[in-house]
């Protein structure tokens, strides 16, 4: 995901914003002055990029205010929980998804330090991006060794093009997007995070993206077949859609369109590991602990969207179903 040279904000999410305290907060603060006209009703349709889970569409709502907060004027924009009555976004509430994603990252990595990066991509519409990831030593070293960011317990800063550390922060945000989209969270190392060696790292990532997304002709046919959407989630973010073989060993028929699906990258990974399958009735089966995961439980039992031509081969589906780890 290519980012624009618009401002980028870095923030360490506070525990109460994710519901980890007794405050029952229903908002997430952003750094001061990040959203223009934030004291009015602002709706931002965009993307939430979640470490170890992938990318989804969200709608963020600013919290309008003309009063005071704890007897002080509000100093920063806030993302509120509920949509506006007269101005609803197209996608799930950003706050709701941020809260769920924060809990999943905490549980997955045993780390309660969650970094929130807000930026924009180069598209004109729906270009608001929120990146949610663990604040680990690799990220800390980038901040410490290559930026002027003050490492306090309440990190919160907006960077503008022309600022001394802007390009480093932008490189970091782009890298996080790329790594998350191709599910490299468990395997990345300093090589992938070498901010100064950006082009070499990007070539490695591009090679892995090409491998994950599938052979060009096979992918192109499937994308047309499934109207450029994930057959399970309906996701239309092209950067995270991958061509998936239903069963990889069918001889000459391996790359036939009836032996393929279009899946979001995180679902493709679960499918390859036998943690997600599709039965002969075209219904999704989610395995074990993932079935109780709020990010994936909503898809268990759901019927996939079927293409007009080249329906998924039921023989191939049944072969893959034998590998399912229920």
C-alpha atoms as a PDB file:
ATOM      1  CA  UNK A   1       0.000   0.000   0.000  1.00  0.00           C
ATOM      2  CA  UNK A   2       1.695   3.185  -1.221  1.00  0.00           C
ATOM      3  CA  UNK A   3       1.367   6.108   1.176  1.00  0.00           C
ATOM      4  CA  UNK A   4       0.976   9.741   0.233  1.00  0.00           C
ATOM      5  CA  UNK A   5       3.173  12.548   1.555  1.00  0.00           C
ATOM      6  CA  UNK A   6       0.291  13.731   3.704  1.00  0.00           C
ATOM      7  CA  UNK A   7       0.801  13.976   7.442  1.00  0.00           C
ATOM      8  CA  UNK A   8       1.362  10.778   9.441  1.00  0.00           C
ATOM      9  CA  UNK A   9       0.599  10.363  13.139  1.00  0.00           C
ATOM     10  CA  UNK A  10       2.205   8.017  15.667  1.00  0.00           C
ATOM     11  CA  UNK A  11       0.464   7.175  18.921  1.00  0.00           C
ATOM     12  CA  UNK A  12       0.815   4.656  21.724  1.00  0.00           C
ATOM     13  CA  UNK A  13      -2.735   3.561  22.544  1.00  0.00           C
ATOM     14  CA  UNK A  14      -3.626   3.987  26.200  1.00  0.00           C
ATOM     15  CA  UNK A  15      -5.099   0.972  28.050  1.00  0.00           C
ATOM     16  CA  UNK A  16      -8.389   2.736  28.874  1.00  0.00           C
ATOM     17  CA  UNK A  17      -9.009   3.433  25.170  1.00  0.00           C
ATOM     18  CA  UNK A  18      -9.144  -0.319  24.520  1.00  0.00           C
ATOM     19  CA  UNK A  19     -11.376  -1.065  27.506  1.00  0.00           C
ATOM     20  CA  UNK A  20      -8.607  -2.555  29.642  1.00  0.00           C
ATOM     21  CA  UNK A  21      -9.558  -0.408  32.662  1.00  0.00           C
ATOM     22  CA  UNK A  22     -12.813   0.396  34.439  1.00  0.00           C
ATOM     23  CA  UNK A  23     -13.367   3.701  32.647  1.00  0.00           C
ATOM     24  CA  UNK A  24     -15.705   2.235  29.965  1.00  0.00           C
ATOM     25  CA  UNK A  25     -14.217   4.572  27.358  1.00  0.00           C
ATOM     26  CA  UNK A  26     -15.884   4.618  23.953  1.00  0.00           C
ATOM     27  CA  UNK A  27     -13.335   6.662  22.050  1.00  0.00           C
ATOM     28  CA  UNK A  28      -9.738   6.587  20.831  1.00  0.00           C
ATOM     29  CA  UNK A  29      -7.717   9.799  20.795  1.00  0.00           C
ATOM     30  CA  UNK A  30      -5.584  10.828  17.833  1.00  0.00           C
ATOM     31  CA  UNK A  31      -2.648  13.254  18.029  1.00  0.00           C
ATOM     32  CA  UNK A  32      -3.481  16.931  18.125  1.00  0.00           C
ATOM     33  CA  UNK A  33      -4.538  18.529  14.814  1.00  0.00           C
ATOM     34  CA  UNK A  34      -4.473  15.250  12.825  1.00  0.00           C
ATOM     35  CA  UNK A  35      -8.044  15.470  11.479  1.00  0.00           C
ATOM     36  CA  UNK A  36      -9.099  18.759   9.921  1.00  0.00           C
ATOM     37  CA  UNK A  37     -12.339  20.236  11.285  1.00  0.00           C
ATOM     38  CA  UNK A  38     -12.395  17.487  13.907  1.00  0.00           C
ATOM     39  CA  UNK A  39     -14.718  19.481  16.166  1.00  0.00           C
ATOM     40  CA  UNK A  40     -17.497  18.891  13.638  1.00  0.00           C
ATOM     41  CA  UNK A  41     -19.029  15.641  12.398  1.00  0.00           C
ATOM     42  CA  UNK A  42     -16.413  14.029  10.172  1.00  0.00           C
ATOM     43  CA  UNK A  43     -16.722  10.550   8.599  1.00  0.00           C
ATOM     44  CA  UNK A  44     -13.603   8.890   7.207  1.00  0.00           C
ATOM     45  CA  UNK A  45     -14.009   5.705   5.159  1.00  0.00           C
ATOM     46  CA  UNK A  46     -10.778   3.770   4.870  1.00  0.00           C
ATOM     47  CA  UNK A  47      -8.726   0.793   5.962  1.00  0.00           C
ATOM     48  CA  UNK A  48      -7.683  -0.827   9.230  1.00  0.00           C
ATOM     49  CA  UNK A  49      -4.413  -2.776   8.888  1.00  0.00           C
ATOM     50  CA  UNK A  50      -4.066  -5.218  11.810  1.00  0.00           C
ATOM     51  CA  UNK A  51      -0.886  -7.081  12.682  1.00  0.00           C
ATOM     52  CA  UNK A  52      -1.224 -10.854  12.223  1.00  0.00           C
ATOM     53  CA  UNK A  53      -4.740 -10.465  10.780  1.00  0.00           C
ATOM     54  CA  UNK A  54      -4.604  -8.378   7.612  1.00  0.00           C
ATOM     55  CA  UNK A  55      -6.661  -5.505   6.215  1.00  0.00           C
ATOM     56  CA  UNK A  56     -10.346  -4.634   6.426  1.00  0.00           C
ATOM     57  CA  UNK A  57     -12.556  -1.677   5.578  1.00  0.00           C
ATOM     58  CA  UNK A  58     -13.715   0.656   8.356  1.00  0.00           C
ATOM     59  CA  UNK A  59     -15.542   3.941   8.879  1.00  0.00           C
ATOM     60  CA  UNK A  60     -14.113   6.307  11.488  1.00  0.00           C
ATOM     61  CA  UNK A  61     -16.247   8.982  13.168  1.00  0.00           C
ATOM     62  CA  UNK A  62     -14.749  12.054  14.792  1.00  0.00           C
ATOM     63  CA  UNK A  63     -16.178  13.047  18.171  1.00  0.00           C
ATOM     64  CA  UNK A  64     -17.573  16.555  17.656  1.00  0.00           C
ATOM     65  CA  UNK A  65     -17.432  18.905  20.583  1.00  0.00           C
ATOM     66  CA  UNK A  66     -17.685  22.580  21.307  1.00  0.00           C
ATOM     67  CA  UNK A  67     -17.475  22.237  25.063  1.00  0.00           C
ATOM     68  CA  UNK A  68     -14.912  21.158  27.616  1.00  0.00           C
ATOM     69  CA  UNK A  69     -13.506  17.830  28.775  1.00  0.00           C
ATOM     70  CA  UNK A  70     -12.748  17.558  32.510  1.00  0.00           C
ATOM     71  CA  UNK A  71     -13.031  21.362  32.703  1.00  0.00           C
ATOM     72  CA  UNK A  72     -10.422  21.775  29.953  1.00  0.00           C
ATOM     73  CA  UNK A  73     -10.912  22.502  26.232  1.00  0.00           C
ATOM     74  CA  UNK A  74     -10.380  19.348  24.140  1.00  0.00           C
ATOM     75  CA  UNK A  75      -6.937  19.390  22.499  1.00  0.00           C
ATOM     76  CA  UNK A  76      -7.119  16.461  20.115  1.00  0.00           C
ATOM     77  CA  UNK A  77      -9.526  14.676  17.764  1.00  0.00           C
ATOM     78  CA  UNK A  78     -11.173  11.487  18.942  1.00  0.00           C
ATOM     79  CA  UNK A  79     -12.646   8.517  17.096  1.00  0.00           C
ATOM     80  CA  UNK A  80     -16.034   7.753  18.597  1.00  0.00           C
ATOM     81  CA  UNK A  81     -17.836   4.438  18.827  1.00  0.00           C
ATOM     82  CA  UNK A  82     -21.205   5.055  17.200  1.00  0.00           C
ATOM     83  CA  UNK A  83     -22.076   6.423  13.734  1.00  0.00           C
ATOM     84  CA  UNK A  84     -23.842   9.744  13.314  1.00  0.00           C
ATOM     85  CA  UNK A  85     -27.606   9.465  12.798  1.00  0.00           C
ATOM     86  CA  UNK A  86     -27.635  11.547   9.643  1.00  0.00           C
ATOM     87  CA  UNK A  87     -24.176  10.659   8.360  1.00  0.00           C
ATOM     88  CA  UNK A  88     -23.329   6.959   8.362  1.00  0.00           C
ATOM     89  CA  UNK A  89     -20.162   5.459   6.909  1.00  0.00           C
ATOM     90  CA  UNK A  90     -20.122   2.455   4.585  1.00  0.00           C
ATOM     91  CA  UNK A  91     -18.233   0.053   6.850  1.00  0.00           C
ATOM     92  CA  UNK A  92     -17.986  -1.234  10.462  1.00  0.00           C
ATOM     93  CA  UNK A  93     -17.112   1.286  13.165  1.00  0.00           C
ATOM     94  CA  UNK A  94     -13.353   1.891  13.398  1.00  0.00           C
ATOM     95  CA  UNK A  95     -13.511   2.134  17.202  1.00  0.00           C
ATOM     96  CA  UNK A  96     -15.264  -1.232  17.531  1.00  0.00           C
ATOM     97  CA  UNK A  97     -12.706  -2.921  15.266  1.00  0.00           C
ATOM     98  CA  UNK A  98      -9.734  -1.196  16.938  1.00  0.00           C
ATOM     99  CA  UNK A  99     -10.882  -2.453  20.331  1.00  0.00           C
ATOM    100  CA  UNK A 100     -11.254  -6.047  19.085  1.00  0.00           C
ATOM    101  CA  UNK A 101      -7.951  -5.901  17.171  1.00  0.00           C
ATOM    102  CA  UNK A 102      -6.073  -4.472  20.169  1.00  0.00           C
ATOM    103  CA  UNK A 103      -7.282  -7.336  22.356  1.00  0.00           C
ATOM    104  CA  UNK A 104      -6.274  -9.882  19.723  1.00  0.00           C
ATOM    105  CA  UNK A 105      -2.759  -8.413  19.378  1.00  0.00           C
ATOM    106  CA  UNK A 106      -2.361  -8.364  23.158  1.00  0.00           C
ATOM    107  CA  UNK A 107      -3.453 -11.999  23.406  1.00  0.00           C
ATOM    108  CA  UNK A 108      -1.431 -13.106  20.372  1.00  0.00           C
ATOM    109  CA  UNK A 109       1.878 -11.494  21.354  1.00  0.00           C
ATOM    110  CA  UNK A 110       1.513 -11.060  25.120  1.00  0.00           C
ATOM    111  CA  UNK A 111       2.220  -7.370  24.589  1.00  0.00           C
ATOM    112  CA  UNK A 112      -0.058  -4.629  25.888  1.00  0.00           C
ATOM    113  CA  UNK A 113       1.865  -1.840  24.145  1.00  0.00           C
ATOM    114  CA  UNK A 114      -0.145  -1.187  20.993  1.00  0.00           C
ATOM    115  CA  UNK A 115       1.036   1.321  18.393  1.00  0.00           C
ATOM    116  CA  UNK A 116      -1.521   3.194  16.277  1.00  0.00           C
ATOM    117  CA  UNK A 117      -0.299   4.828  13.063  1.00  0.00           C
ATOM    118  CA  UNK A 118      -2.675   6.980  11.006  1.00  0.00           C
ATOM    119  CA  UNK A 119      -1.815   7.959   7.456  1.00  0.00           C
ATOM    120  CA  UNK A 120      -3.222   8.196   3.928  1.00  0.00           C
ATOM    121  CA  UNK A 121      -2.579   6.297   0.727  1.00  0.00           C
ATOM    122  CA  UNK A 122      -2.329   7.746  -2.752  1.00  0.00           C
ATOM    123  CA  UNK A 123      -5.969   7.133  -3.689  1.00  0.00           C
ATOM    124  CA  UNK A 124      -8.321  10.105  -3.763  1.00  0.00           C
ATOM    125  CA  UNK A 125     -11.228   8.368  -2.012  1.00  0.00           C
ATOM    126  CA  UNK A 126     -11.273   6.090   1.031  1.00  0.00           C
ATOM    127  CA  UNK A 127      -7.648   6.869   1.668  1.00  0.00           C
ATOM    128  CA  UNK A 128      -7.629   6.983   5.466  1.00  0.00           C
ATOM    129  CA  UNK A 129      -5.453   4.205   6.937  1.00  0.00           C
ATOM    130  CA  UNK A 130      -5.118   3.086  10.549  1.00  0.00           C
ATOM    131  CA  UNK A 131      -2.274   0.643  11.277  1.00  0.00           C
ATOM    132  CA  UNK A 132      -2.451  -1.283  14.549  1.00  0.00           C
ATOM    133  CA  UNK A 133       0.611  -3.265  15.645  1.00  0.00           C
ATOM    134  CA  UNK A 134       2.647  -4.290  18.662  1.00  0.00           C
ATOM    135  CA  UNK A 135       5.228  -1.782  19.899  1.00  0.00           C
ATOM    136  CA  UNK A 136       8.182  -4.178  19.940  1.00  0.00           C
ATOM    137  CA  UNK A 137      11.981  -3.801  19.975  1.00  0.00           C
ATOM    138  CA  UNK A 138      12.267  -3.628  16.179  1.00  0.00           C
ATOM    139  CA  UNK A 139       9.916  -0.647  16.024  1.00  0.00           C
ATOM    140  CA  UNK A 140      11.496   0.869  19.141  1.00  0.00           C
ATOM    141  CA  UNK A 141      14.955   0.687  17.535  1.00  0.00           C
ATOM    142  CA  UNK A 142      13.705   2.520  14.445  1.00  0.00           C
ATOM    143  CA  UNK A 143      12.319   5.334  16.615  1.00  0.00           C
ATOM    144  CA  UNK A 144      15.379   5.419  18.859  1.00  0.00           C
ATOM    145  CA  UNK A 145      18.117   5.286  16.218  1.00  0.00           C
ATOM    146  CA  UNK A 146      16.583   7.040  13.207  1.00  0.00           C
ATOM    147  CA  UNK A 147      14.018   9.619  14.398  1.00  0.00           C
ATOM    148  CA  UNK A 148      13.670  12.578  16.714  1.00  0.00           C
ATOM    149  CA  UNK A 149      10.606  11.085  18.434  1.00  0.00           C
ATOM    150  CA  UNK A 150      10.686  11.476  22.211  1.00  0.00           C
ATOM    151  CA  UNK A 151      10.096   8.039  23.734  1.00  0.00           C
ATOM    152  CA  UNK A 152       7.724   8.875  26.578  1.00  0.00           C
ATOM    153  CA  UNK A 153       4.975   6.711  28.045  1.00  0.00           C
ATOM    154  CA  UNK A 154       2.408   8.763  26.102  1.00  0.00           C
ATOM    155  CA  UNK A 155       3.862   8.841  22.584  1.00  0.00           C
ATOM    156  CA  UNK A 156       1.668  11.034  20.373  1.00  0.00           C
ATOM    157  CA  UNK A 157       2.968  13.076  17.460  1.00  0.00           C
ATOM    158  CA  UNK A 158       2.051  14.201  13.944  1.00  0.00           C
ATOM    159  CA  UNK A 159       4.744  14.329  11.249  1.00  0.00           C
ATOM    160  CA  UNK A 160       4.464  16.549   8.175  1.00  0.00           C
ATOM    161  CA  UNK A 161       6.361  16.373   4.896  1.00  0.00           C
ATOM    162  CA  UNK A 162       9.501  18.416   5.440  1.00  0.00           C
ATOM    163  CA  UNK A 163       9.898  17.333   9.062  1.00  0.00           C
ATOM    164  CA  UNK A 164      13.297  15.819   9.787  1.00  0.00           C
ATOM    165  CA  UNK A 165      11.955  12.313  10.538  1.00  0.00           C
ATOM    166  CA  UNK A 166       8.979  12.276   8.157  1.00  0.00           C
ATOM    167  CA  UNK A 167      10.510   9.972   5.524  1.00  0.00           C
ATOM    168  CA  UNK A 168      11.643   7.447   8.135  1.00  0.00           C
ATOM    169  CA  UNK A 169       8.168   7.362   9.703  1.00  0.00           C
ATOM    170  CA  UNK A 170       6.587   7.022   6.249  1.00  0.00           C
ATOM    171  CA  UNK A 171       8.963   4.148   5.362  1.00  0.00           C
ATOM    172  CA  UNK A 172       8.085   2.426   8.628  1.00  0.00           C
ATOM    173  CA  UNK A 173       4.331   2.783   8.002  1.00  0.00           C
ATOM    174  CA  UNK A 174       4.643   1.454   4.432  1.00  0.00           C
ATOM    175  CA  UNK A 175       6.744  -1.476   5.630  1.00  0.00           C
ATOM    176  CA  UNK A 176       4.256  -2.375   8.338  1.00  0.00           C
ATOM    177  CA  UNK A 177       1.420  -2.337   5.777  1.00  0.00           C
ATOM    178  CA  UNK A 178       3.358  -4.599   3.422  1.00  0.00           C
ATOM    179  CA  UNK A 179       4.461  -7.056   6.104  1.00  0.00           C
ATOM    180  CA  UNK A 180       0.999  -7.330   7.616  1.00  0.00           C
ATOM    181  CA  UNK A 181      -0.695  -7.791   4.257  1.00  0.00           C
ATOM    182  CA  UNK A 182       1.451 -10.809   3.369  1.00  0.00           C
ATOM    183  CA  UNK A 183       1.428 -12.280   6.887  1.00  0.00           C
ATOM    184  CA  UNK A 184       5.154 -12.047   7.652  1.00  0.00           C
ATOM    185  CA  UNK A 185       4.657 -11.108  11.288  1.00  0.00           C
ATOM    186  CA  UNK A 186       6.149 -14.299  12.694  1.00  0.00           C
ATOM    187  CA  UNK A 187       9.169 -14.298  10.374  1.00  0.00           C
ATOM    188  CA  UNK A 188      10.351 -10.757   9.768  1.00  0.00           C
ATOM    189  CA  UNK A 189      13.778  -9.769  10.963  1.00  0.00           C
ATOM    190  CA  UNK A 190      16.134  -6.777  10.919  1.00  0.00           C
ATOM    191  CA  UNK A 191      16.717  -7.378   7.203  1.00  0.00           C
ATOM    192  CA  UNK A 192      13.088  -6.592   6.409  1.00  0.00           C
ATOM    193  CA  UNK A 193      13.127  -3.671   8.823  1.00  0.00           C
ATOM    194  CA  UNK A 194      16.319  -2.016   7.578  1.00  0.00           C
ATOM    195  CA  UNK A 195      14.899   1.457   7.022  1.00  0.00           C
ATOM    196  CA  UNK A 196      18.051   2.622   5.237  1.00  0.00           C
ATOM    197  CA  UNK A 197      17.986  -0.349   2.861  1.00  0.00           C
ATOM    198  CA  UNK A 198      14.380   0.209   1.844  1.00  0.00           C
ATOM    199  CA  UNK A 199      14.603  -0.848  -1.809  1.00  0.00           C
ATOM    200  CA  UNK A 200      16.280  -4.215  -1.122  1.00  0.00           C
ATOM    201  CA  UNK A 201      13.713  -5.035   1.538  1.00  0.00           C
ATOM    202  CA  UNK A 202      10.887  -3.945  -0.767  1.00  0.00           C
ATOM    203  CA  UNK A 203      12.171  -6.284  -3.526  1.00  0.00           C
ATOM    204  CA  UNK A 204      12.060  -9.206  -1.077  1.00  0.00           C
ATOM    205  CA  UNK A 205       8.545  -8.273  -0.044  1.00  0.00           C
ATOM    206  CA  UNK A 206       7.403  -7.871  -3.662  1.00  0.00           C
ATOM    207  CA  UNK A 207       8.767 -11.329  -4.481  1.00  0.00           C
ATOM    208  CA  UNK A 208       6.833 -12.820  -1.564  1.00  0.00           C
ATOM    209  CA  UNK A 209       3.677 -10.911  -2.536  1.00  0.00           C
ATOM    210  CA  UNK A 210       3.890 -12.290  -6.084  1.00  0.00           C
ATOM    211  CA  UNK A 211       4.318 -15.803  -4.705  1.00  0.00           C
ATOM    212  CA  UNK A 212       1.369 -15.435  -2.313  1.00  0.00           C
ATOM    213  CA  UNK A 213      -0.948 -13.828  -4.841  1.00  0.00           C
ATOM    214  CA  UNK A 214      -0.522 -16.662  -7.368  1.00  0.00           C
ATOM    215  CA  UNK A 215       0.501 -17.058 -10.991  1.00  0.00           C
ATOM    216  CA  UNK A 216      -0.572 -14.006 -13.058  1.00  0.00           C
ATOM    217  CA  UNK A 217      -2.838 -15.823 -15.556  1.00  0.00           C
ATOM    218  CA  UNK A 218      -4.498 -17.950 -12.859  1.00  0.00           C
ATOM    219  CA  UNK A 219      -4.972 -14.930 -10.583  1.00  0.00           C
ATOM    220  CA  UNK A 220      -6.304 -12.736 -13.391  1.00  0.00           C
ATOM    221  CA  UNK A 221      -8.911 -15.331 -14.391  1.00  0.00           C
ATOM    222  CA  UNK A 222     -10.031 -15.854 -10.807  1.00  0.00           C
ATOM    223  CA  UNK A 223     -10.236 -12.118 -10.096  1.00  0.00           C
ATOM    224  CA  UNK A 224     -12.550 -11.737 -13.085  1.00  0.00           C
ATOM    225  CA  UNK A 225     -14.522 -14.811 -12.020  1.00  0.00           C
ATOM    226  CA  UNK A 226     -15.068 -13.464  -8.492  1.00  0.00           C
ATOM    227  CA  UNK A 227     -15.502  -9.820  -9.544  1.00  0.00           C
ATOM    228  CA  UNK A 228     -12.366  -8.702  -7.669  1.00  0.00           C
ATOM    229  CA  UNK A 229     -13.763  -9.711  -4.282  1.00  0.00           C
ATOM    230  CA  UNK A 230     -12.850 -12.221  -1.580  1.00  0.00           C
ATOM    231  CA  UNK A 231     -15.436 -14.996  -1.892  1.00  0.00           C
ATOM    232  CA  UNK A 232     -15.850 -15.159   1.909  1.00  0.00           C
ATOM    233  CA  UNK A 233     -15.649 -11.577   3.184  1.00  0.00           C
ATOM    234  CA  UNK A 234     -16.486  -9.569   0.073  1.00  0.00           C
ATOM    235  CA  UNK A 235     -13.260  -7.579   0.655  1.00  0.00           C
ATOM    236  CA  UNK A 236     -12.348  -5.462  -2.398  1.00  0.00           C
ATOM    237  CA  UNK A 237      -8.875  -4.308  -1.307  1.00  0.00           C
ATOM    238  CA  UNK A 238      -6.881  -5.601  -4.298  1.00  0.00           C
ATOM    239  CA  UNK A 239      -3.553  -5.515  -2.455  1.00  0.00           C
ATOM    240  CA  UNK A 240      -4.707  -8.206  -0.009  1.00  0.00           C
ATOM    241  CA  UNK A 241      -6.623 -10.477  -2.397  1.00  0.00           C
ATOM    242  CA  UNK A 242      -4.880 -13.719  -3.368  1.00  0.00           C
ATOM    243  CA  UNK A 243      -5.479 -16.534  -5.831  1.00  0.00           C
ATOM    244  CA  UNK A 244      -5.876 -19.740  -3.846  1.00  0.00           C
ATOM    245  CA  UNK A 245      -5.770 -23.299  -5.214  1.00  0.00           C
ATOM    246  CA  UNK A 246      -8.624 -25.325  -3.718  1.00  0.00           C
ATOM    247  CA  UNK A 247      -6.410 -28.406  -3.941  1.00  0.00           C
ATOM    248  CA  UNK A 248      -2.826 -27.913  -5.163  1.00  0.00           C
ATOM    249  CA  UNK A 249      -2.184 -31.317  -6.721  1.00  0.00           C
ATOM    250  CA  UNK A 250      -4.621 -31.962  -9.546  1.00  0.00           C
ATOM    251  CA  UNK A 251      -2.130 -32.488 -12.378  1.00  0.00           C
ATOM    252  CA  UNK A 252      -3.000 -30.552 -15.578  1.00  0.00           C
ATOM    253  CA  UNK A 253      -6.201 -29.274 -13.938  1.00  0.00           C
ATOM    254  CA  UNK A 254      -4.308 -27.604 -11.073  1.00  0.00           C
ATOM    255  CA  UNK A 255      -4.628 -24.128 -12.598  1.00  0.00           C
ATOM    256  CA  UNK A 256      -8.166 -24.567 -13.916  1.00  0.00           C
ATOM    257  CA  UNK A 257     -10.429 -21.791 -12.641  1.00  0.00           C
ATOM    258  CA  UNK A 258     -12.758 -24.356 -11.024  1.00  0.00           C
ATOM    259  CA  UNK A 259      -9.824 -25.268  -8.747  1.00  0.00           C
ATOM    260  CA  UNK A 260      -9.399 -21.730  -7.483  1.00  0.00           C
ATOM    261  CA  UNK A 261     -10.812 -19.173  -5.077  1.00  0.00           C
ATOM    262  CA  UNK A 262     -10.102 -15.533  -4.329  1.00  0.00           C
ATOM    263  CA  UNK A 263      -9.367 -15.115  -0.624  1.00  0.00           C
ATOM    264  CA  UNK A 264      -8.178 -12.300   1.602  1.00  0.00           C
ATOM    265  CA  UNK A 265      -4.527 -12.943   2.507  1.00  0.00           C
ATOM    266  CA  UNK A 266      -5.137 -13.939   6.143  1.00  0.00           C
ATOM    267  CA  UNK A 267      -7.899 -16.382   5.131  1.00  0.00           C
ATOM    268  CA  UNK A 268      -5.631 -17.838   2.438  1.00  0.00           C
ATOM    269  CA  UNK A 269      -3.038 -18.598   5.104  1.00  0.00           C
ATOM    270  CA  UNK A 270      -5.623 -20.297   7.344  1.00  0.00           C
ATOM    271  CA  UNK A 271      -6.872 -22.269   4.325  1.00  0.00           C
ATOM    272  CA  UNK A 272      -3.364 -23.483   3.446  1.00  0.00           C
ATOM    273  CA  UNK A 273      -2.851 -24.615   7.054  1.00  0.00           C
ATOM    274  CA  UNK A 274      -6.122 -26.560   7.106  1.00  0.00           C
ATOM    275  CA  UNK A 275      -7.643 -24.218   9.692  1.00  0.00           C
ATOM    276  CA  UNK A 276     -10.336 -23.035   7.296  1.00  0.00           C
ATOM    277  CA  UNK A 277     -12.155 -25.098   4.690  1.00  0.00           C
ATOM    278  CA  UNK A 278     -15.171 -24.941   2.393  1.00  0.00           C
ATOM    279  CA  UNK A 279     -17.523 -27.932   2.200  1.00  0.00           C
ATOM    280  CA  UNK A 280     -19.364 -29.276  -0.846  1.00  0.00           C
ATOM    281  CA  UNK A 281     -22.330 -27.024  -0.010  1.00  0.00           C
ATOM    282  CA  UNK A 282     -19.960 -24.060  -0.346  1.00  0.00           C
ATOM    283  CA  UNK A 283     -20.158 -23.232   3.367  1.00  0.00           C
ATOM    284  CA  UNK A 284     -17.161 -22.067   5.374  1.00  0.00           C
ATOM    285  CA  UNK A 285     -15.787 -24.184   8.225  1.00  0.00           C
ATOM    286  CA  UNK A 286     -13.497 -22.548  10.782  1.00  0.00           C
ATOM    287  CA  UNK A 287     -11.277 -24.706  12.971  1.00  0.00           C
ATOM    288  CA  UNK A 288     -10.754 -24.858  16.733  1.00  0.00           C
ATOM    289  CA  UNK A 289      -9.771 -21.678  18.556  1.00  0.00           C
ATOM    290  CA  UNK A 290     -10.222 -19.580  15.420  1.00  0.00           C
ATOM    291  CA  UNK A 291     -13.941 -20.380  15.597  1.00  0.00           C
ATOM    292  CA  UNK A 292     -14.077 -18.448  18.879  1.00  0.00           C
ATOM    293  CA  UNK A 293     -12.019 -15.577  17.526  1.00  0.00           C
ATOM    294  CA  UNK A 294     -14.282 -12.532  16.976  1.00  0.00           C
ATOM    295  CA  UNK A 295     -12.442 -11.700  13.758  1.00  0.00           C
ATOM    296  CA  UNK A 296     -13.262 -15.082  12.192  1.00  0.00           C
ATOM    297  CA  UNK A 297     -16.263 -16.581  14.001  1.00  0.00           C
ATOM    298  CA  UNK A 298     -18.620 -14.480  11.867  1.00  0.00           C
ATOM    299  CA  UNK A 299     -17.610 -16.491   8.803  1.00  0.00           C
ATOM    300  CA  UNK A 300     -18.220 -19.989  10.224  1.00  0.00           C
ATOM    301  CA  UNK A 301     -21.172 -21.544   8.409  1.00  0.00           C
ATOM    302  CA  UNK A 302     -21.383 -18.697   5.898  1.00  0.00           C
ATOM    303  CA  UNK A 303     -21.938 -19.604   2.242  1.00  0.00           C
ATOM    304  CA  UNK A 304     -19.294 -18.200  -0.062  1.00  0.00           C
ATOM    305  CA  UNK A 305     -20.112 -15.913  -2.981  1.00  0.00           C
ATOM    306  CA  UNK A 306     -20.170 -18.082  -6.090  1.00  0.00           C
ATOM    307  CA  UNK A 307     -18.954 -17.035  -9.552  1.00  0.00           C
ATOM    308  CA  UNK A 308     -21.210 -17.135 -12.597  1.00  0.00           C
ATOM    309  CA  UNK A 309     -18.850 -19.527 -14.397  1.00  0.00           C
ATOM    310  CA  UNK A 310     -16.420 -22.222 -13.259  1.00  0.00           C
ATOM    311  CA  UNK A 311     -18.022 -23.076  -9.927  1.00  0.00           C
ATOM    312  CA  UNK A 312     -15.587 -24.422  -7.310  1.00  0.00           C
ATOM    313  CA  UNK A 313     -14.881 -28.090  -8.045  1.00  0.00           C
ATOM    314  CA  UNK A 314     -16.616 -30.213  -5.382  1.00  0.00           C
ATOM    315  CA  UNK A 315     -14.119 -33.061  -5.759  1.00  0.00           C
ATOM    316  CA  UNK A 316     -11.271 -30.652  -5.014  1.00  0.00           C
ATOM    317  CA  UNK A 317     -13.207 -29.174  -2.066  1.00  0.00           C
ATOM    318  CA  UNK A 318     -13.716 -32.660  -0.580  1.00  0.00           C
ATOM    319  CA  UNK A 319     -10.025 -33.534  -1.028  1.00  0.00           C
ATOM    320  CA  UNK A 320      -9.024 -30.368   0.847  1.00  0.00           C
ATOM    321  CA  UNK A 321     -11.685 -31.052   3.477  1.00  0.00           C
ATOM    322  CA  UNK A 322      -9.763 -34.222   4.406  1.00  0.00           C
ATOM    323  CA  UNK A 323      -6.925 -31.980   5.609  1.00  0.00           C
ATOM    324  CA  UNK A 324      -9.240 -29.884   7.801  1.00  0.00           C
ATOM    325  CA  UNK A 325      -8.096 -29.655  11.445  1.00  0.00           C
ATOM    326  CA  UNK A 326     -11.436 -29.400  13.222  1.00  0.00           C
END
